[in-house]
């Protein structure tokens, strides 16, 4: 193997390891978010409030689009990710 291909292989290995580290951190953050959503739902139930709050969910989606644009990501794609996160949170709240 030439030195050039070896260097590319080393770079790819390092970059893939960095992606894996970031992916793991994302999964851990998702778990934190789900835990926070469960705690929020429990507080709402204790207060006699409905757990679903469409205006709050809409605010979360709007915020995510703003943050996406601030860092140069496509707002629609990031909104889609946040809708998935909201759905995951809803399902976890229903499992309690």
Protein backbone atom coordinates (compact mmCIF):
# COMPACT_ATOMS: atom_id res chain seq x y z
CA UNK A 1 0.00 0.00 0.00
CA UNK A 2 1.35 3.38 -0.90
CA UNK A 3 1.95 6.03 1.74
CA UNK A 4 -0.79 8.16 0.17
CA UNK A 5 -3.42 5.44 0.54
CA UNK A 6 -2.24 4.68 4.05
CA UNK A 7 -2.61 8.36 5.00
CA UNK A 8 -6.12 8.44 3.51
CA UNK A 9 -6.99 5.28 5.42
CA UNK A 10 -5.74 6.80 8.67
CA UNK A 11 -7.71 10.00 8.03
CA UNK A 12 -10.87 8.02 7.30
CA UNK A 13 -10.43 5.97 10.45
CA UNK A 14 -9.96 9.11 12.54
CA UNK A 15 -12.93 10.86 10.93
CA UNK A 16 -15.19 7.84 11.35
CA UNK A 17 -14.20 7.61 15.01
CA UNK A 18 -15.12 11.29 15.41
CA UNK A 19 -18.52 10.68 13.79
CA UNK A 20 -19.09 7.70 16.09
CA UNK A 21 -18.22 9.84 19.14
CA UNK A 22 -20.68 12.51 18.02
CA UNK A 23 -23.39 9.93 17.30
CA UNK A 24 -23.01 8.47 20.79
CA UNK A 25 -23.24 11.95 22.31
CA UNK A 26 -26.39 12.60 20.28
CA UNK A 27 -28.00 9.40 21.57
CA UNK A 28 -27.12 10.37 25.14
CA UNK A 29 -28.63 13.84 24.61
CA UNK A 30 -31.78 12.28 23.15
CA UNK A 31 -32.08 10.11 26.25
CA UNK A 32 -31.70 13.23 28.44
CA UNK A 33 -34.39 14.98 26.42
CA UNK A 34 -36.78 12.05 26.77
CA UNK A 35 -36.17 11.95 30.54
CA UNK A 36 -36.87 15.69 30.78
CA UNK A 37 -40.06 15.28 28.74
CA UNK A 38 -41.21 12.45 31.03
CA UNK A 39 -40.58 14.63 34.09
CA UNK A 40 -42.46 17.50 32.45
CA UNK A 41 -45.40 15.23 31.67
CA UNK A 42 -45.45 13.97 35.26
CA UNK A 43 -45.46 17.56 36.57
CA UNK A 44 -48.32 18.43 34.23
CA UNK A 45 -50.33 15.39 35.35
CA UNK A 46 -49.72 16.29 39.00
CA UNK A 47 -51.02 19.79 38.30
CA UNK A 48 -54.05 18.43 36.46
CA UNK A 49 -52.86 19.82 33.13
CA UNK A 50 -53.00 18.02 29.78
CA UNK A 51 -49.68 16.49 28.81
CA UNK A 52 -50.04 17.43 25.15
CA UNK A 53 -49.29 21.08 24.48
CA UNK A 54 -49.45 21.81 20.72
CA UNK A 55 -48.50 25.52 21.10
CA UNK A 56 -45.38 24.54 23.06
CA UNK A 57 -44.50 21.90 20.49
CA UNK A 58 -44.88 24.50 17.72
CA UNK A 59 -42.56 26.83 19.65
CA UNK A 60 -39.96 24.06 19.90
CA UNK A 61 -40.16 23.49 16.15
CA UNK A 62 -39.85 27.21 15.41
CA UNK A 63 -36.82 27.49 17.73
CA UNK A 64 -35.15 24.50 16.08
CA UNK A 65 -35.52 26.16 12.66
CA UNK A 66 -33.95 29.38 13.93
CA UNK A 67 -31.03 27.48 15.46
CA UNK A 68 -30.59 25.49 12.25
CA UNK A 69 -30.36 28.62 10.15
CA UNK A 70 -27.88 30.15 12.62
CA UNK A 71 -25.46 27.27 12.06
CA UNK A 72 -26.08 26.92 8.33
CA UNK A 73 -28.25 23.81 8.34
CA UNK A 74 -31.45 23.40 6.33
CA UNK A 75 -34.29 24.47 8.63
CA UNK A 76 -36.81 22.00 7.18
CA UNK A 77 -34.53 19.01 7.79
CA UNK A 78 -33.87 20.10 11.37
CA UNK A 79 -37.59 20.65 11.94
CA UNK A 80 -38.15 17.06 10.77
CA UNK A 81 -35.62 15.81 13.32
CA UNK A 82 -37.34 17.76 16.08
CA UNK A 83 -40.76 16.40 15.11
CA UNK A 84 -39.22 12.93 15.48
CA UNK A 85 -37.88 13.89 18.92
CA UNK A 86 -41.30 15.19 19.96
CA UNK A 87 -42.88 11.94 18.77
CA UNK A 88 -40.34 9.91 20.72
CA UNK A 89 -41.08 11.98 23.81
CA UNK A 90 -44.84 11.56 23.37
CA UNK A 91 -44.47 7.78 23.06
CA UNK A 92 -42.25 7.58 26.13
CA UNK A 93 -44.73 9.66 28.14
CA UNK A 94 -47.55 7.34 27.08
CA UNK A 95 -45.54 4.30 28.25
CA UNK A 96 -45.56 5.56 31.83
